[in-house]
């Protein structure tokens, strides 16, 4: 399983190069984002359990959309996530696409 090129939007369990590590989104831990067609007091958040694998170490961490995560002197961020939620509908796990960035 080759990892996708950096910047590629990947599905759950699809590895992608991010800097000199490979990030793999494993599962959506929380998706409480405000639906695109609703008004919310609280924006909510999306957290994805993500495996970060570099040459000599691997760890799994909860990455939250837009929040930088620092590990071993590197900082990664879950930059974008699609699709946006809609009111009254759960997003099937297979429909998610994520873009990770090394900061």
PDB file of N, CA and C in Angstrom:
ATOM      1  N   UNK A   1       0.814  -1.209   0.000  1.00  0.00           N
ATOM      2  CA  UNK A   1       0.000   0.000   0.000  1.00  0.00           C
ATOM      3  C   UNK A   1       0.839   1.247   0.000  1.00  0.00           C
ATOM      4  N   UNK A   2       0.993   1.843  -1.162  1.00  0.00           N
ATOM      5  CA  UNK A   2       1.722   3.098  -1.225  1.00  0.00           C
ATOM      6  C   UNK A   2       0.876   4.222  -0.648  1.00  0.00           C
ATOM      7  N   UNK A   3       1.529   5.149   0.015  1.00  0.00           N
ATOM      8  CA  UNK A   3       0.823   6.307   0.558  1.00  0.00           C
ATOM      9  C   UNK A   3       0.546   7.307  -0.560  1.00  0.00           C
ATOM     10  N   UNK A   4      -0.555   8.012  -0.428  1.00  0.00           N
ATOM     11  CA  UNK A   4      -0.915   9.031  -1.409  1.00  0.00           C
ATOM     12  C   UNK A   4       0.052  10.212  -1.318  1.00  0.00           C
ATOM     13  N   UNK A   5       0.196  10.971  -2.424  1.00  0.00           N
ATOM     14  CA  UNK A   5       1.085  12.134  -2.394  1.00  0.00           C
ATOM     15  C   UNK A   5       0.594  13.186  -1.392  1.00  0.00           C
ATOM     16  N   UNK A   6       1.546  13.969  -0.887  1.00  0.00           N
ATOM     17  CA  UNK A   6       1.211  15.024   0.071  1.00  0.00           C
ATOM     18  C   UNK A   6       0.121  15.937  -0.478  1.00  0.00           C
ATOM     19  N   UNK A   7      -0.825  16.294   0.390  1.00  0.00           N
ATOM     20  CA  UNK A   7      -1.887  17.210   0.000  1.00  0.00           C
ATOM     21  C   UNK A   7      -3.114  16.529  -0.580  1.00  0.00           C
ATOM     22  N   UNK A   8      -3.026  15.209  -0.813  1.00  0.00           N
ATOM     23  CA  UNK A   8      -4.163  14.469  -1.340  1.00  0.00           C
ATOM     24  C   UNK A   8      -5.248  14.358  -0.272  1.00  0.00           C
ATOM     25  N   UNK A   9      -6.503  14.499  -0.672  1.00  0.00           N
ATOM     26  CA  UNK A   9      -7.619  14.250   0.241  1.00  0.00           C
ATOM     27  C   UNK A   9      -7.823  12.740   0.318  1.00  0.00           C
ATOM     28  N   UNK A  10      -7.718  12.179   1.523  1.00  0.00           N
ATOM     29  CA  UNK A  10      -7.762  10.731   1.671  1.00  0.00           C
ATOM     30  C   UNK A  10      -8.958  10.286   2.500  1.00  0.00           C
ATOM     31  N   UNK A  11      -9.381   9.067   2.244  1.00  0.00           N
ATOM     32  CA  UNK A  11     -10.467   8.459   2.994  1.00  0.00           C
ATOM     33  C   UNK A  11      -9.912   7.818   4.263  1.00  0.00           C
ATOM     34  N   UNK A  12     -10.812   7.380   5.122  1.00  0.00           N
ATOM     35  CA  UNK A  12     -10.400   6.642   6.305  1.00  0.00           C
ATOM     36  C   UNK A  12      -9.557   5.435   5.895  1.00  0.00           C
ATOM     37  N   UNK A  13      -8.503   5.185   6.642  1.00  0.00           N
ATOM     38  CA  UNK A  13      -7.587   4.064   6.445  1.00  0.00           C
ATOM     39  C   UNK A  13      -6.762   4.176   5.168  1.00  0.00           C
ATOM     40  N   UNK A  14      -6.737   5.361   4.557  1.00  0.00           N
ATOM     41  CA  UNK A  14      -5.874   5.572   3.382  1.00  0.00           C
ATOM     42  C   UNK A  14      -4.674   6.420   3.806  1.00  0.00           C
ATOM     43  N   UNK A  15      -3.456   5.863   3.729  1.00  0.00           N
ATOM     44  CA  UNK A  15      -2.280   6.611   4.168  1.00  0.00           C
ATOM     45  C   UNK A  15      -1.894   7.709   3.181  1.00  0.00           C
ATOM     46  N   UNK A  16      -1.319   8.792   3.733  1.00  0.00           N
ATOM     47  CA  UNK A  16      -0.914   9.918   2.885  1.00  0.00           C
ATOM     48  C   UNK A  16       0.390  10.497   3.440  1.00  0.00           C
ATOM     49  N   UNK A  17       1.304  10.826   2.546  1.00  0.00           N
ATOM     50  CA  UNK A  17       2.539  11.497   2.954  1.00  0.00           C
ATOM     51  C   UNK A  17       2.205  12.886   3.482  1.00  0.00           C
ATOM     52  N   UNK A  18       2.823  13.240   4.611  1.00  0.00           N
ATOM     53  CA  UNK A  18       2.655  14.572   5.191  1.00  0.00           C
ATOM     54  C   UNK A  18       4.013  14.964   5.750  1.00  0.00           C
ATOM     55  N   UNK A  19       4.732  15.825   5.027  1.00  0.00           N
ATOM     56  CA  UNK A  19       6.124  16.047   5.389  1.00  0.00           C
ATOM     57  C   UNK A  19       6.885  14.748   5.194  1.00  0.00           C
ATOM     58  N   UNK A  20       7.655  14.342   6.220  1.00  0.00           N
ATOM     59  CA  UNK A  20       8.432  13.105   6.088  1.00  0.00           C
ATOM     60  C   UNK A  20       7.792  11.955   6.857  1.00  0.00           C
ATOM     61  N   UNK A  21       6.530  12.082   7.164  1.00  0.00           N
ATOM     62  CA  UNK A  21       5.808  11.005   7.848  1.00  0.00           C
ATOM     63  C   UNK A  21       4.601  10.610   7.005  1.00  0.00           C
ATOM     64  N   UNK A  22       4.051   9.451   7.352  1.00  0.00           N
ATOM     65  CA  UNK A  22       2.824   9.003   6.691  1.00  0.00           C
ATOM     66  C   UNK A  22       1.703   9.062   7.726  1.00  0.00           C
ATOM     67  N   UNK A  23       0.654   9.797   7.403  1.00  0.00           N
ATOM     68  CA  UNK A  23      -0.501   9.906   8.282  1.00  0.00           C
ATOM     69  C   UNK A  23      -1.645   9.074   7.717  1.00  0.00           C
ATOM     70  N   UNK A  24      -2.305   8.340   8.596  1.00  0.00           N
ATOM     71  CA  UNK A  24      -3.435   7.510   8.194  1.00  0.00           C
ATOM     72  C   UNK A  24      -4.616   7.804   9.114  1.00  0.00           C
ATOM     73  N   UNK A  25      -5.686   8.398   8.573  1.00  0.00           N
ATOM     74  CA  UNK A  25      -6.882   8.594   9.406  1.00  0.00           C
ATOM     75  C   UNK A  25      -7.543   7.242   9.666  1.00  0.00           C
ATOM     76  N   UNK A  26      -7.707   6.876  10.933  1.00  0.00           N
ATOM     77  CA  UNK A  26      -8.211   5.549  11.264  1.00  0.00           C
ATOM     78  C   UNK A  26      -9.716   5.545  11.511  1.00  0.00           C
ATOM     79  N   UNK A  27     -10.180   6.489  12.317  1.00  0.00           N
ATOM     80  CA  UNK A  27     -11.622   6.542  12.551  1.00  0.00           C
ATOM     81  C   UNK A  27     -12.008   7.909  13.069  1.00  0.00           C
ATOM     82  N   UNK A  28     -13.257   8.279  12.802  1.00  0.00           N
ATOM     83  CA  UNK A  28     -13.793   9.536  13.297  1.00  0.00           C
ATOM     84  C   UNK A  28     -14.230   9.312  14.743  1.00  0.00           C
ATOM     85  N   UNK A  29     -13.572  10.017  15.668  1.00  0.00           N
ATOM     86  CA  UNK A  29     -13.882   9.884  17.087  1.00  0.00           C
ATOM     87  C   UNK A  29     -15.095  10.744  17.445  1.00  0.00           C
ATOM     88  N   UNK A  30     -15.115  11.939  16.877  1.00  0.00           N
ATOM     89  CA  UNK A  30     -16.222  12.858  17.150  1.00  0.00           C
ATOM     90  C   UNK A  30     -16.449  13.723  15.929  1.00  0.00           C
ATOM     91  N   UNK A  31     -17.709  13.921  15.563  1.00  0.00           N
ATOM     92  CA  UNK A  31     -18.043  14.920  14.546  1.00  0.00           C
ATOM     93  C   UNK A  31     -19.285  15.655  15.033  1.00  0.00           C
ATOM     94  N   UNK A  32     -19.025  16.752  15.726  1.00  0.00           N
ATOM     95  CA  UNK A  32     -20.125  17.558  16.264  1.00  0.00           C
ATOM     96  C   UNK A  32     -20.185  18.903  15.557  1.00  0.00           C
ATOM     97  N   UNK A  33     -19.626  18.932  14.322  1.00  0.00           N
ATOM     98  CA  UNK A  33     -19.615  20.194  13.586  1.00  0.00           C
ATOM     99  C   UNK A  33     -21.035  20.662  13.298  1.00  0.00           C
ATOM    100  N   UNK A  34     -21.178  21.972  13.245  1.00  0.00           N
ATOM    101  CA  UNK A  34     -22.477  22.559  12.939  1.00  0.00           C
ATOM    102  C   UNK A  34     -22.857  22.227  11.493  1.00  0.00           C
ATOM    103  N   UNK A  35     -24.070  21.733  11.261  1.00  0.00           N
ATOM    104  CA  UNK A  35     -24.494  21.445   9.881  1.00  0.00           C
ATOM    105  C   UNK A  35     -24.451  22.687   9.000  1.00  0.00           C
ATOM    106  N   UNK A  36     -24.177  22.470   7.723  1.00  0.00           N
ATOM    107  CA  UNK A  36     -24.027  23.576   6.782  1.00  0.00           C
ATOM    108  C   UNK A  36     -25.313  24.388   6.663  1.00  0.00           C
ATOM    109  N   UNK A  37     -26.456  23.735   6.900  1.00  0.00           N
ATOM    110  CA  UNK A  37     -27.725  24.414   6.692  1.00  0.00           C
ATOM    111  C   UNK A  37     -28.398  24.771   8.018  1.00  0.00           C
ATOM    112  N   UNK A  38     -27.611  24.889   9.086  1.00  0.00           N
ATOM    113  CA  UNK A  38     -28.186  25.232  10.389  1.00  0.00           C
ATOM    114  C   UNK A  38     -27.389  26.364  11.015  1.00  0.00           C
ATOM    115  N   UNK A  39     -28.019  27.012  11.973  1.00  0.00           N
ATOM    116  CA  UNK A  39     -27.306  28.025  12.753  1.00  0.00           C
ATOM    117  C   UNK A  39     -27.036  27.433  14.122  1.00  0.00           C
ATOM    118  N   UNK A  40     -25.794  27.489  14.555  1.00  0.00           N
ATOM    119  CA  UNK A  40     -25.419  26.875  15.817  1.00  0.00           C
ATOM    120  C   UNK A  40     -24.721  27.897  16.702  1.00  0.00           C
ATOM    121  N   UNK A  41     -24.992  27.799  17.988  1.00  0.00           N
ATOM    122  CA  UNK A  41     -24.276  28.631  18.945  1.00  0.00           C
ATOM    123  C   UNK A  41     -22.841  28.135  19.063  1.00  0.00           C
ATOM    124  N   UNK A  42     -22.675  26.810  18.987  1.00  0.00           N
ATOM    125  CA  UNK A  42     -21.386  26.158  19.187  1.00  0.00           C
ATOM    126  C   UNK A  42     -20.951  25.553  17.861  1.00  0.00           C
ATOM    127  N   UNK A  43     -19.740  25.894  17.392  1.00  0.00           N
ATOM    128  CA  UNK A  43     -19.340  25.374  16.073  1.00  0.00           C
ATOM    129  C   UNK A  43     -19.118  23.865  16.053  1.00  0.00           C
ATOM    130  N   UNK A  44     -18.835  23.297  17.232  1.00  0.00           N
ATOM    131  CA  UNK A  44     -18.578  21.866  17.260  1.00  0.00           C
ATOM    132  C   UNK A  44     -17.198  21.553  16.717  1.00  0.00           C
ATOM    133  N   UNK A  45     -16.868  20.275  16.696  1.00  0.00           N
ATOM    134  CA  UNK A  45     -15.533  19.911  16.234  1.00  0.00           C
ATOM    135  C   UNK A  45     -15.544  18.531  15.598  1.00  0.00           C
ATOM    136  N   UNK A  46     -14.478  18.289  14.844  1.00  0.00           N
ATOM    137  CA  UNK A  46     -14.268  16.994  14.206  1.00  0.00           C
ATOM    138  C   UNK A  46     -12.921  16.473  14.685  1.00  0.00           C
ATOM    139  N   UNK A  47     -12.926  15.289  15.286  1.00  0.00           N
ATOM    140  CA  UNK A  47     -11.695  14.680  15.758  1.00  0.00           C
ATOM    141  C   UNK A  47     -11.533  13.316  15.109  1.00  0.00           C
ATOM    142  N   UNK A  48     -10.348  13.084  14.570  1.00  0.00           N
ATOM    143  CA  UNK A  48     -10.054  11.859  13.838  1.00  0.00           C
ATOM    144  C   UNK A  48      -8.844  11.173  14.476  1.00  0.00           C
ATOM    145  N   UNK A  49      -9.016   9.935  14.886  1.00  0.00           N
ATOM    146  CA  UNK A  49      -7.882   9.147  15.367  1.00  0.00           C
ATOM    147  C   UNK A  49      -6.971   8.875  14.176  1.00  0.00           C
ATOM    148  N   UNK A  50      -5.720   9.311  14.290  1.00  0.00           N
ATOM    149  CA  UNK A  50      -4.805   9.314  13.151  1.00  0.00           C
ATOM    150  C   UNK A  50      -3.488   8.645  13.530  1.00  0.00           C
ATOM    151  N   UNK A  51      -3.052   7.708  12.707  1.00  0.00           N
ATOM    152  CA  UNK A  51      -1.742   7.098  12.918  1.00  0.00           C
ATOM    153  C   UNK A  51      -0.683   7.941  12.207  1.00  0.00           C
ATOM    154  N   UNK A  52       0.364   8.289  12.963  1.00  0.00           N
ATOM    155  CA  UNK A  52       1.470   9.075  12.437  1.00  0.00           C
ATOM    156  C   UNK A  52       2.688   8.150  12.434  1.00  0.00           C
ATOM    157  N   UNK A  53       3.220   7.864  11.268  1.00  0.00           N
ATOM    158  CA  UNK A  53       4.321   6.908  11.153  1.00  0.00           C
ATOM    159  C   UNK A  53       5.510   7.571  10.474  1.00  0.00           C
ATOM    160  N   UNK A  54       6.604   7.715  11.217  1.00  0.00           N
ATOM    161  CA  UNK A  54       7.854   8.221  10.653  1.00  0.00           C
ATOM    162  C   UNK A  54       8.858   7.073  10.630  1.00  0.00           C
ATOM    163  N   UNK A  55      10.100   7.390  10.338  1.00  0.00           N
ATOM    164  CA  UNK A  55      11.076   6.327  10.117  1.00  0.00           C
ATOM    165  C   UNK A  55      11.256   5.427  11.332  1.00  0.00           C
ATOM    166  N   UNK A  56      11.371   6.022  12.513  1.00  0.00           N
ATOM    167  CA  UNK A  56      11.728   5.235  13.698  1.00  0.00           C
ATOM    168  C   UNK A  56      10.660   5.225  14.768  1.00  0.00           C
ATOM    169  N   UNK A  57       9.501   5.774  14.498  1.00  0.00           N
ATOM    170  CA  UNK A  57       8.455   5.789  15.527  1.00  0.00           C
ATOM    171  C   UNK A  57       7.079   5.881  14.875  1.00  0.00           C
ATOM    172  N   UNK A  58       6.123   5.388  15.598  1.00  0.00           N
ATOM    173  CA  UNK A  58       4.729   5.464  15.165  1.00  0.00           C
ATOM    174  C   UNK A  58       3.902   5.802  16.387  1.00  0.00           C
ATOM    175  N   UNK A  59       2.923   6.656  16.217  1.00  0.00           N
ATOM    176  CA  UNK A  59       1.974   6.860  17.299  1.00  0.00           C
ATOM    177  C   UNK A  59       0.608   7.162  16.712  1.00  0.00           C
ATOM    178  N   UNK A  60      -0.406   6.892  17.511  1.00  0.00           N
ATOM    179  CA  UNK A  60      -1.771   7.209  17.107  1.00  0.00           C
ATOM    180  C   UNK A  60      -2.263   8.332  18.001  1.00  0.00           C
ATOM    181  N   UNK A  61      -2.818   9.366  17.376  1.00  0.00           N
ATOM    182  CA  UNK A  61      -3.207  10.558  18.119  1.00  0.00           C
ATOM    183  C   UNK A  61      -4.551  11.064  17.615  1.00  0.00           C
ATOM    184  N   UNK A  62      -5.329  11.702  18.494  1.00  0.00           N
ATOM    185  CA  UNK A  62      -6.565  12.324  18.051  1.00  0.00           C
ATOM    186  C   UNK A  62      -6.276  13.705  17.464  1.00  0.00           C
ATOM    187  N   UNK A  63      -6.436  13.849  16.169  1.00  0.00           N
ATOM    188  CA  UNK A  63      -6.239  15.146  15.521  1.00  0.00           C
ATOM    189  C   UNK A  63      -7.592  15.817  15.338  1.00  0.00           C
ATOM    190  N   UNK A  64      -7.681  17.052  15.807  1.00  0.00           N
ATOM    191  CA  UNK A  64      -8.926  17.815  15.704  1.00  0.00           C
ATOM    192  C   UNK A  64      -8.791  18.835  14.583  1.00  0.00           C
ATOM    193  N   UNK A  65      -9.817  18.929  13.767  1.00  0.00           N
ATOM    194  CA  UNK A  65      -9.809  19.819  12.607  1.00  0.00           C
ATOM    195  C   UNK A  65      -9.361  21.221  13.014  1.00  0.00           C
ATOM    196  N   UNK A  66      -8.283  21.697  12.359  1.00  0.00           N
ATOM    197  CA  UNK A  66      -7.810  23.054  12.576  1.00  0.00           C
ATOM    198  C   UNK A  66      -6.868  23.234  13.747  1.00  0.00           C
ATOM    199  N   UNK A  67      -6.708  22.212  14.594  1.00  0.00           N
ATOM    200  CA  UNK A  67      -5.839  22.335  15.767  1.00  0.00           C
ATOM    201  C   UNK A  67      -4.491  21.673  15.495  1.00  0.00           C
ATOM    202  N   UNK A  68      -3.395  22.421  15.550  1.00  0.00           N
ATOM    203  CA  UNK A  68      -2.080  21.817  15.331  1.00  0.00           C
ATOM    204  C   UNK A  68      -1.781  20.764  16.398  1.00  0.00           C
ATOM    205  N   UNK A  69      -1.128  19.697  15.980  1.00  0.00           N
ATOM    206  CA  UNK A  69      -0.732  18.627  16.901  1.00  0.00           C
ATOM    207  C   UNK A  69       0.768  18.456  16.787  1.00  0.00           C
ATOM    208  N   UNK A  70       1.467  18.550  17.926  1.00  0.00           N
ATOM    209  CA  UNK A  70       2.925  18.479  17.907  1.00  0.00           C
ATOM    210  C   UNK A  70       3.390  17.135  18.430  1.00  0.00           C
ATOM    211  N   UNK A  71       4.326  16.536  17.710  1.00  0.00           N
ATOM    212  CA  UNK A  71       4.912  15.266  18.130  1.00  0.00           C
ATOM    213  C   UNK A  71       6.343  15.212  17.613  1.00  0.00           C
ATOM    214  N   UNK A  72       7.272  14.835  18.473  1.00  0.00           N
ATOM    215  CA  UNK A  72       8.676  14.637  18.086  1.00  0.00           C
ATOM    216  C   UNK A  72       9.227  15.837  17.308  1.00  0.00           C
ATOM    217  N   UNK A  73       8.890  17.029  17.746  1.00  0.00           N
ATOM    218  CA  UNK A  73       9.417  18.227  17.116  1.00  0.00           C
ATOM    219  C   UNK A  73       8.771  18.599  15.795  1.00  0.00           C
ATOM    220  N   UNK A  74       7.731  17.866  15.431  1.00  0.00           N
ATOM    221  CA  UNK A  74       7.005  18.175  14.195  1.00  0.00           C
ATOM    222  C   UNK A  74       5.582  18.591  14.571  1.00  0.00           C
ATOM    223  N   UNK A  75       4.970  19.389  13.710  1.00  0.00           N
ATOM    224  CA  UNK A  75       3.587  19.793  13.950  1.00  0.00           C
ATOM    225  C   UNK A  75       2.753  19.433  12.732  1.00  0.00           C
ATOM    226  N   UNK A  76       1.669  18.716  12.989  1.00  0.00           N
ATOM    227  CA  UNK A  76       0.744  18.318  11.920  1.00  0.00           C
ATOM    228  C   UNK A  76      -0.623  18.915  12.226  1.00  0.00           C
ATOM    229  N   UNK A  77      -1.402  19.119  11.183  1.00  0.00           N
ATOM    230  CA  UNK A  77      -2.756  19.617  11.389  1.00  0.00           C
ATOM    231  C   UNK A  77      -3.690  18.942  10.387  1.00  0.00           C
ATOM    232  N   UNK A  78      -4.868  18.591  10.890  1.00  0.00           N
ATOM    233  CA  UNK A  78      -5.956  18.155  10.013  1.00  0.00           C
ATOM    234  C   UNK A  78      -6.530  19.436   9.432  1.00  0.00           C
ATOM    235  N   UNK A  79      -6.214  19.696   8.157  1.00  0.00           N
ATOM    236  CA  UNK A  79      -6.479  21.010   7.573  1.00  0.00           C
ATOM    237  C   UNK A  79      -7.912  21.145   7.059  1.00  0.00           C
ATOM    238  N   UNK A  80      -8.381  20.122   6.368  1.00  0.00           N
ATOM    239  CA  UNK A  80      -9.750  20.175   5.843  1.00  0.00           C
ATOM    240  C   UNK A  80     -10.396  18.808   5.971  1.00  0.00           C
ATOM    241  N   UNK A  81     -11.720  18.841   6.049  1.00  0.00           N
ATOM    242  CA  UNK A  81     -12.487  17.604   6.099  1.00  0.00           C
ATOM    243  C   UNK A  81     -13.767  17.813   5.304  1.00  0.00           C
ATOM    244  N   UNK A  82     -14.092  16.854   4.483  1.00  0.00           N
ATOM    245  CA  UNK A  82     -15.314  16.904   3.690  1.00  0.00           C
ATOM    246  C   UNK A  82     -16.049  15.581   3.887  1.00  0.00           C
ATOM    247  N   UNK A  83     -17.329  15.524   3.683  1.00  0.00           N
ATOM    248  CA  UNK A  83     -18.220  16.661   3.412  1.00  0.00           C
ATOM    249  C   UNK A  83     -18.595  17.381   4.703  1.00  0.00           C
ATOM    250  N   UNK A  84     -19.245  18.527   4.555  1.00  0.00           N
ATOM    251  CA  UNK A  84     -19.813  19.192   5.725  1.00  0.00           C
ATOM    252  C   UNK A  84     -21.061  18.431   6.160  1.00  0.00           C
ATOM    253  N   UNK A  85     -21.329  18.400   7.476  1.00  0.00           N
ATOM    254  CA  UNK A  85     -22.568  17.752   7.915  1.00  0.00           C
ATOM    255  C   UNK A  85     -23.794  18.544   7.477  1.00  0.00           C
ATOM    256  N   UNK A  86     -24.895  17.841   7.326  1.00  0.00           N
ATOM    257  CA  UNK A  86     -26.176  18.494   7.074  1.00  0.00           C
ATOM    258  C   UNK A  86     -27.119  18.112   8.200  1.00  0.00           C
ATOM    259  N   UNK A  87     -28.100  18.952   8.441  1.00  0.00           N
ATOM    260  CA  UNK A  87     -29.019  18.701   9.549  1.00  0.00           C
ATOM    261  C   UNK A  87     -29.755  17.389   9.329  1.00  0.00           C
ATOM    262  N   UNK A  88     -29.786  16.558  10.350  1.00  0.00           N
ATOM    263  CA  UNK A  88     -30.581  15.346  10.304  1.00  0.00           C
ATOM    264  C   UNK A  88     -29.954  14.193   9.556  1.00  0.00           C
ATOM    265  N   UNK A  89     -28.670  14.320   9.181  1.00  0.00           N
ATOM    266  CA  UNK A  89     -28.061  13.211   8.463  1.00  0.00           C
ATOM    267  C   UNK A  89     -26.662  12.915   8.939  1.00  0.00           C
ATOM    268  N   UNK A  90     -26.405  11.667   9.277  1.00  0.00           N
ATOM    269  CA  UNK A  90     -25.048  11.279   9.620  1.00  0.00           C
ATOM    270  C   UNK A  90     -24.249  11.046   8.342  1.00  0.00           C
ATOM    271  N   UNK A  91     -22.966  11.322   8.409  1.00  0.00           N
ATOM    272  CA  UNK A  91     -22.090  11.108   7.261  1.00  0.00           C
ATOM    273  C   UNK A  91     -21.579   9.664   7.311  1.00  0.00           C
ATOM    274  N   UNK A  92     -21.809   8.881   6.260  1.00  0.00           N
ATOM    275  CA  UNK A  92     -21.233   7.526   6.241  1.00  0.00           C
ATOM    276  C   UNK A  92     -19.712   7.599   6.338  1.00  0.00           C
ATOM    277  N   UNK A  93     -19.129   6.696   7.119  1.00  0.00           N
ATOM    278  CA  UNK A  93     -17.686   6.740   7.351  1.00  0.00           C
ATOM    279  C   UNK A  93     -16.902   6.749   6.039  1.00  0.00           C
ATOM    280  N   UNK A  94     -17.399   6.014   5.049  1.00  0.00           N
ATOM    281  CA  UNK A  94     -16.686   5.920   3.776  1.00  0.00           C
ATOM    282  C   UNK A  94     -16.723   7.179   2.941  1.00  0.00           C
ATOM    283  N   UNK A  95     -17.575   8.134   3.333  1.00  0.00           N
ATOM    284  CA  UNK A  95     -17.699   9.362   2.553  1.00  0.00           C
ATOM    285  C   UNK A  95     -16.710  10.450   2.977  1.00  0.00           C
ATOM    286  N   UNK A  96     -16.116  10.296   4.135  1.00  0.00           N
ATOM    287  CA  UNK A  96     -15.194  11.329   4.614  1.00  0.00           C
ATOM    288  C   UNK A  96     -13.942  11.408   3.748  1.00  0.00           C
ATOM    289  N   UNK A  97     -13.441  12.633   3.580  1.00  0.00           N
ATOM    290  CA  UNK A  97     -12.134  12.857   2.952  1.00  0.00           C
ATOM    291  C   UNK A  97     -11.390  13.890   3.789  1.00  0.00           C
ATOM    292  N   UNK A  98     -10.103  13.624   4.049  1.00  0.00           N
ATOM    293  CA  UNK A  98      -9.312  14.478   4.928  1.00  0.00           C
ATOM    294  C   UNK A  98      -8.044  14.927   4.236  1.00  0.00           C
ATOM    295  N   UNK A  99      -7.644  16.176   4.525  1.00  0.00           N
ATOM    296  CA  UNK A  99      -6.349  16.677   4.067  1.00  0.00           C
ATOM    297  C   UNK A  99      -5.529  17.060   5.292  1.00  0.00           C
ATOM    298  N   UNK A 100      -4.317  16.506   5.375  1.00  0.00           N
ATOM    299  CA  UNK A 100      -3.398  16.794   6.469  1.00  0.00           C
ATOM    300  C   UNK A 100      -2.263  17.685   5.962  1.00  0.00           C
ATOM    301  N   UNK A 101      -1.733  18.522   6.838  1.00  0.00           N
ATOM    302  CA  UNK A 101      -0.601  19.373   6.482  1.00  0.00           C
ATOM    303  C   UNK A 101       0.456  19.297   7.575  1.00  0.00           C
ATOM    304  N   UNK A 102       1.702  19.397   7.152  1.00  0.00           N
ATOM    305  CA  UNK A 102       2.808  19.565   8.099  1.00  0.00           C
ATOM    306  C   UNK A 102       3.066  21.055   8.223  1.00  0.00           C
ATOM    307  N   UNK A 103       3.107  21.550   9.433  1.00  0.00           N
ATOM    308  CA  UNK A 103       3.284  22.992   9.620  1.00  0.00           C
ATOM    309  C   UNK A 103       4.727  23.344   9.888  1.00  0.00           C
TER     310      UNK A 103
END
